[in-house]
N, C-alpha and C. Protein backbone atom coordinates (compact mmCIF):
# COMPACT_ATOMS: atom_id res chain seq x y z
N MET A 1 -0.07 58.47 4.37
CA MET A 1 1.04 57.65 4.01
C MET A 1 0.66 56.57 3.08
N THR A 2 1.58 56.05 2.20
CA THR A 2 1.45 54.72 1.28
C THR A 2 1.10 53.87 2.01
N LYS A 3 0.77 52.53 1.75
CA LYS A 3 0.56 51.35 2.14
C LYS A 3 2.41 51.02 2.08
N ALA A 4 3.33 51.26 0.71
CA ALA A 4 4.64 50.93 1.12
C ALA A 4 5.28 51.77 2.48
N GLN A 5 5.24 52.67 2.15
CA GLN A 5 5.69 53.72 3.57
C GLN A 5 4.81 52.63 5.02
N ASP A 6 3.98 52.60 5.38
CA ASP A 6 3.93 51.67 6.45
C ASP A 6 4.31 50.46 6.76
N ARG A 7 4.52 50.22 5.50
CA ARG A 7 4.99 48.47 6.14
C ARG A 7 6.00 48.21 7.03
N LEU A 8 6.31 47.43 7.67
CA LEU A 8 7.56 47.14 8.79
C LEU A 8 8.97 46.48 8.38
N GLU A 9 9.81 46.18 8.85
CA GLU A 9 10.79 46.21 8.15
C GLU A 9 10.93 44.79 8.60
N SER A 10 11.52 44.02 7.27
CA SER A 10 11.40 42.77 8.24
C SER A 10 12.57 42.14 8.83
N THR A 11 12.68 41.88 9.76
CA THR A 11 13.44 41.67 10.71
C THR A 11 13.22 40.42 11.93
N ASP A 12 14.21 40.04 12.31
CA ASP A 12 13.75 38.59 13.13
C ASP A 12 13.43 39.65 14.67
N GLU A 13 13.72 40.43 14.57
CA GLU A 13 13.15 41.27 16.22
C GLU A 13 11.85 41.23 15.79
N ALA A 14 11.18 42.26 14.78
CA ALA A 14 9.35 42.36 14.28
C ALA A 14 8.79 40.95 14.32
N TRP A 15 9.59 40.29 13.99
CA TRP A 15 8.68 38.58 13.55
C TRP A 15 8.34 37.71 15.25
N GLU A 16 10.04 38.37 15.86
CA GLU A 16 9.57 37.87 17.40
C GLU A 16 8.71 38.04 17.79
N SER A 17 8.76 39.56 17.97
CA SER A 17 7.66 40.55 19.07
C SER A 17 6.48 40.90 18.66
N ARG A 18 6.04 39.73 17.29
CA ARG A 18 4.75 39.55 16.64
C ARG A 18 4.25 40.74 15.93
N ALA A 19 5.00 42.11 16.06
CA ALA A 19 4.64 43.47 15.12
C ALA A 19 3.97 42.73 13.32
N LEU A 20 5.07 41.62 12.84
CA LEU A 20 4.79 41.34 12.05
C LEU A 20 4.06 39.71 11.43
N GLY A 21 3.17 39.34 11.07
CA GLY A 21 3.13 38.25 11.10
C GLY A 21 2.09 37.97 12.00
N ALA A 22 1.37 38.40 13.06
CA ALA A 22 0.54 38.25 13.95
C ALA A 22 -0.89 38.37 14.08
N SER A 23 -1.34 38.89 12.50
CA SER A 23 -2.61 38.90 12.69
C SER A 23 -3.56 37.81 12.12
N GLU A 24 -4.64 38.67 11.88
CA GLU A 24 -5.51 37.13 10.90
C GLU A 24 -5.36 37.47 9.74
N ASP A 25 -5.03 38.67 9.12
CA ASP A 25 -4.77 38.81 7.71
C ASP A 25 -3.67 37.67 7.33
N HIS A 26 -2.77 37.43 8.14
CA HIS A 26 -1.76 36.54 7.75
C HIS A 26 -2.19 34.78 8.04
N VAL A 27 -3.18 34.35 8.55
CA VAL A 27 -3.65 33.00 9.23
C VAL A 27 -4.58 32.84 8.07
N ARG A 28 -4.06 31.62 7.49
CA ARG A 28 -4.96 30.37 7.27
C ARG A 28 -4.59 29.04 7.24
N ALA A 29 -5.31 28.10 7.33
CA ALA A 29 -5.16 27.00 7.41
C ALA A 29 -4.25 26.16 6.23
N VAL A 30 -3.47 25.32 6.65
CA VAL A 30 -2.78 24.26 5.79
C VAL A 30 -4.01 22.75 5.20
N SER A 31 -3.38 22.60 4.18
CA SER A 31 -4.54 20.81 3.94
C SER A 31 -3.89 20.32 4.79
N VAL A 32 -4.87 19.27 5.02
CA VAL A 32 -4.74 18.26 5.53
C VAL A 32 -3.06 17.28 5.12
N ASP A 33 -2.75 17.42 3.46
CA ASP A 33 -1.61 16.70 2.94
C ASP A 33 -0.35 17.36 3.11
N LEU A 34 -0.40 18.82 3.57
CA LEU A 34 0.15 19.36 3.38
C LEU A 34 0.77 19.47 5.34
N GLU A 35 -0.39 19.63 6.30
CA GLU A 35 0.25 19.38 7.14
C GLU A 35 0.38 17.98 8.01
N ALA A 36 0.43 16.73 6.92
CA ALA A 36 1.37 15.45 6.77
C ALA A 36 2.72 15.18 6.45
N ALA A 37 2.48 16.21 5.33
CA ALA A 37 3.84 15.77 5.00
C ALA A 37 5.11 16.68 5.76
N ILE A 38 4.71 17.89 6.33
CA ILE A 38 5.45 18.77 7.29
C ILE A 38 5.37 18.04 8.90
N ASP A 39 4.38 17.08 9.22
CA ASP A 39 4.63 16.31 10.25
C ASP A 39 5.71 15.20 9.95
N SER A 40 5.67 14.73 8.72
CA SER A 40 6.71 13.31 8.57
C SER A 40 7.65 13.76 8.05
N SER A 41 8.42 15.23 7.35
CA SER A 41 9.55 15.76 7.83
C SER A 41 10.00 16.14 8.93
N LEU A 42 9.44 16.57 9.78
CA LEU A 42 10.31 16.55 10.56
C LEU A 42 9.76 15.65 11.88
N GLY A 43 9.37 14.50 11.60
CA GLY A 43 8.96 13.42 12.52
C GLY A 43 8.01 13.44 13.07
N MET A 44 7.22 14.06 13.13
CA MET A 44 6.35 14.56 14.08
C MET A 44 4.63 13.51 14.14
N GLN A 45 4.57 13.64 15.16
CA GLN A 45 2.94 12.61 14.79
C GLN A 45 2.11 13.39 15.68
N ALA A 46 0.86 13.47 16.11
CA ALA A 46 0.04 14.05 16.51
C ALA A 46 -0.56 13.71 17.49
N ILE A 47 -0.61 13.83 18.68
CA ILE A 47 -1.21 12.96 20.27
C ILE A 47 -2.28 12.88 20.81
N SER A 48 -3.59 12.88 21.38
CA SER A 48 -4.07 13.30 22.13
C SER A 48 -3.85 12.84 23.61
N ILE A 49 -3.91 13.40 24.91
CA ILE A 49 -3.48 13.02 26.26
C ILE A 49 -4.34 14.34 26.91
N ARG A 50 -5.24 13.56 28.02
CA ARG A 50 -5.77 14.06 29.26
C ARG A 50 -4.35 14.13 30.08
N LEU A 51 -4.61 15.65 31.08
CA LEU A 51 -3.87 16.04 31.83
C LEU A 51 -4.81 16.66 32.83
N PRO A 52 -4.78 16.56 33.82
CA PRO A 52 -5.39 17.37 34.68
C PRO A 52 -5.01 19.10 34.65
N LYS A 53 -5.75 19.45 34.58
CA LYS A 53 -6.00 21.43 34.81
C LYS A 53 -5.32 21.63 35.63
N GLU A 54 -4.74 21.13 36.32
CA GLU A 54 -3.78 22.00 36.95
C GLU A 54 -1.87 22.12 36.95
N LEU A 55 -1.72 20.40 36.00
CA LEU A 55 -1.08 20.34 35.67
C LEU A 55 -0.67 21.31 34.11
N ILE A 56 -1.57 21.32 33.05
CA ILE A 56 -1.56 22.32 32.22
C ILE A 56 -1.03 23.69 33.16
N ASP A 57 -2.03 24.44 33.93
CA ASP A 57 -1.81 25.74 34.95
C ASP A 57 -0.63 25.59 35.24
N ALA A 58 0.26 24.44 35.50
CA ALA A 58 2.08 24.63 35.85
C ALA A 58 2.50 25.21 34.77
N TYR A 59 2.24 23.55 33.68
CA TYR A 59 3.04 24.07 32.38
C TYR A 59 3.22 25.34 31.52
N LYS A 60 2.07 26.35 31.79
CA LYS A 60 1.65 27.49 31.31
C LYS A 60 2.42 28.32 31.75
N LEU A 61 2.36 28.64 33.41
CA LEU A 61 3.38 29.47 33.90
C LEU A 61 4.73 29.24 34.13
N ILE A 62 4.83 28.05 33.98
CA ILE A 62 6.72 27.89 33.75
C ILE A 62 7.12 27.90 32.56
N ALA A 63 5.93 27.97 31.37
CA ALA A 63 5.89 28.41 30.11
C ALA A 63 6.12 30.36 29.54
N ASN A 64 5.25 30.25 30.50
CA ASN A 64 5.33 31.65 30.20
C ASN A 64 6.61 32.70 31.09
N HIS A 65 7.20 31.81 31.95
CA HIS A 65 8.46 32.59 32.54
C HIS A 65 9.27 32.47 31.87
N HIS A 66 9.62 31.23 31.09
CA HIS A 66 10.41 31.19 30.12
C HIS A 66 10.63 31.67 28.39
N GLY A 67 9.30 32.23 28.59
CA GLY A 67 8.98 32.95 27.45
C GLY A 67 8.79 31.96 25.67
N VAL A 68 8.18 30.61 26.33
CA VAL A 68 8.39 29.53 25.16
C VAL A 68 6.57 28.89 25.76
N GLY A 69 5.90 28.49 24.57
CA GLY A 69 4.20 27.80 24.52
C GLY A 69 4.52 26.38 25.86
N TYR A 70 3.59 26.36 26.02
CA TYR A 70 3.49 24.98 27.10
C TYR A 70 3.61 23.72 26.57
N GLN A 71 2.91 23.70 25.43
CA GLN A 71 3.62 22.90 24.21
C GLN A 71 4.87 22.52 24.21
N PRO A 72 5.20 22.82 23.28
CA PRO A 72 7.16 23.28 23.15
C PRO A 72 7.70 22.72 24.63
N LEU A 73 7.48 23.05 25.38
CA LEU A 73 8.07 22.74 26.85
C LEU A 73 7.69 21.48 26.61
N MET A 74 6.24 21.45 27.08
CA MET A 74 5.83 19.79 27.47
C MET A 74 7.35 18.83 26.73
N ARG A 75 7.00 19.29 25.32
CA ARG A 75 8.04 18.34 24.43
C ARG A 75 9.19 18.23 24.76
N ASP A 76 9.91 19.03 25.42
CA ASP A 76 11.10 19.32 25.92
C ASP A 76 11.67 18.94 26.96
N ILE A 77 10.75 18.41 27.82
CA ILE A 77 10.48 17.75 28.89
C ILE A 77 10.52 16.03 28.87
N LEU A 78 9.12 15.97 28.04
CA LEU A 78 9.33 14.66 27.39
C LEU A 78 10.89 13.99 26.87
N GLN A 79 11.07 15.22 25.76
CA GLN A 79 12.45 14.28 25.19
C GLN A 79 13.77 14.56 25.93
N ARG A 80 13.63 15.15 27.09
CA ARG A 80 14.82 15.22 27.99
C ARG A 80 14.55 13.42 29.06
N PHE A 81 13.51 13.56 29.23
CA PHE A 81 12.83 12.31 29.83
C PHE A 81 13.24 10.55 29.59
N ALA A 82 12.78 11.31 27.93
CA ALA A 82 12.96 9.66 27.40
C ALA A 82 14.26 8.84 27.72
N PRO A 83 15.55 9.45 27.32
CA PRO A 83 17.21 8.22 27.54
C PRO A 83 17.36 8.10 28.31
N GLU A 84 16.66 8.92 29.71
CA GLU A 84 17.13 8.29 30.36
C GLU A 84 15.91 7.76 30.69
N GLY A 85 14.92 7.22 30.94
CA GLY A 85 13.78 6.04 30.80
C GLY A 85 14.42 4.95 30.12
N LEU A 86 14.73 5.23 28.81
CA LEU A 86 15.31 4.36 27.79
C LEU A 86 16.65 3.24 29.34
N LYS A 87 17.44 4.16 29.12
CA LYS A 87 18.79 4.44 30.22
C LYS A 87 18.42 3.06 31.12
N GLU A 88 17.66 3.64 32.22
CA GLU A 88 17.09 2.23 33.17
C GLU A 88 16.39 1.41 32.31
N VAL A 89 15.82 1.09 31.56
CA VAL A 89 15.02 -0.31 30.86
C VAL A 89 16.29 -1.30 30.61
N MET A 90 17.34 -0.49 30.03
CA MET A 90 18.52 -1.30 29.66
C MET A 90 19.03 -1.37 30.50
N GLU A 91 19.37 -1.43 31.46
CA GLU A 91 19.88 -1.66 32.48
C GLU A 91 19.43 -2.69 33.05
N HIS A 92 18.64 -2.49 33.24
CA HIS A 92 17.55 -3.46 33.52
C HIS A 92 17.50 -4.96 32.90
N HIS A 93 17.25 -5.17 32.15
CA HIS A 93 17.57 -5.57 30.84
C HIS A 93 19.00 -6.57 30.89
N ALA A 94 19.27 -6.00 30.73
CA ALA A 94 21.15 -5.69 30.97
C ALA A 94 21.53 -6.78 32.41
N GLN A 95 20.89 -6.43 33.58
CA GLN A 95 20.66 -7.20 35.18
C GLN A 95 20.06 -8.27 34.42
N LYS A 96 18.66 -8.58 34.66
CA LYS A 96 18.36 -9.93 34.31
C LYS A 96 18.81 -10.86 33.07
N ALA A 97 19.35 -10.36 32.40
CA ALA A 97 19.72 -11.57 31.20
C ALA A 97 21.58 -11.89 32.43
N ASP A 98 22.08 -11.23 33.04
CA ASP A 98 23.50 -11.15 33.58
C ASP A 98 22.87 -12.42 34.46
N GLU A 99 22.08 -11.96 35.33
CA GLU A 99 21.30 -12.96 36.45
C GLU A 99 20.71 -14.71 35.64
N VAL A 100 20.16 -14.42 34.34
CA VAL A 100 19.74 -15.72 33.63
C VAL A 100 21.31 -16.62 33.73
N ASP A 101 22.60 -15.69 32.55
CA ASP A 101 23.76 -15.95 32.36
C ASP A 101 24.19 -16.99 33.53
N HIS A 102 23.89 -16.36 34.88
CA HIS A 102 24.79 -16.61 36.11
C HIS A 102 23.96 -18.12 36.18
N ASP A 103 22.89 -17.97 37.02
CA ASP A 103 21.97 -19.93 36.14
C ASP A 103 22.02 -20.73 35.75
N ILE A 104 22.61 -20.16 34.50
CA ILE A 104 23.07 -21.14 33.99
C ILE A 104 23.97 -21.61 33.68
N GLU A 105 25.33 -20.68 34.33
CA GLU A 105 26.69 -21.70 34.81
C GLU A 105 26.17 -22.61 35.75
N LYS A 106 25.93 -21.56 36.78
CA LYS A 106 25.48 -22.74 37.87
C LYS A 106 25.32 -24.15 37.67
N ARG A 107 23.72 -23.81 36.83
CA ARG A 107 23.20 -25.29 36.29
C ARG A 107 24.70 -26.32 35.97
N LYS A 108 25.17 -25.54 35.23
CA LYS A 108 26.51 -26.45 34.23
C LYS A 108 27.44 -27.01 35.49
N LYS A 109 27.68 -26.01 36.37
CA LYS A 109 28.70 -26.83 37.00
C LYS A 109 27.87 -27.94 38.09
N ALA A 110 26.98 -27.36 38.70
CA ALA A 110 26.21 -28.41 39.33
C ALA A 110 25.53 -29.71 38.70
N ALA A 111 26.15 -29.58 37.15
CA ALA A 111 25.41 -31.22 36.66
C ALA A 111 26.53 -31.60 35.87
């Protein structure tokens, strides 16, 4: 067989199953500038965080069950948590502002 005959058809399934693109022949590091440009265009920022090994193992198990990587799973969970966390913060500050407004009104009436 020739090299052309040995080629796999480029389909989504071939890429997803890692039949295409997963060998070391297809790996190369990107430049720091290109990595920064990609992160910037995606609105991403790399961070470093220390987590208990048991937590990471749990994420890996859950991620494997769902057929995803554990880091994207962590990112997804954090993205789901943030809006609810922000809502809680906003409600807390709105309640505090209402309490201050109420105190001001009380003082005005007392004066």
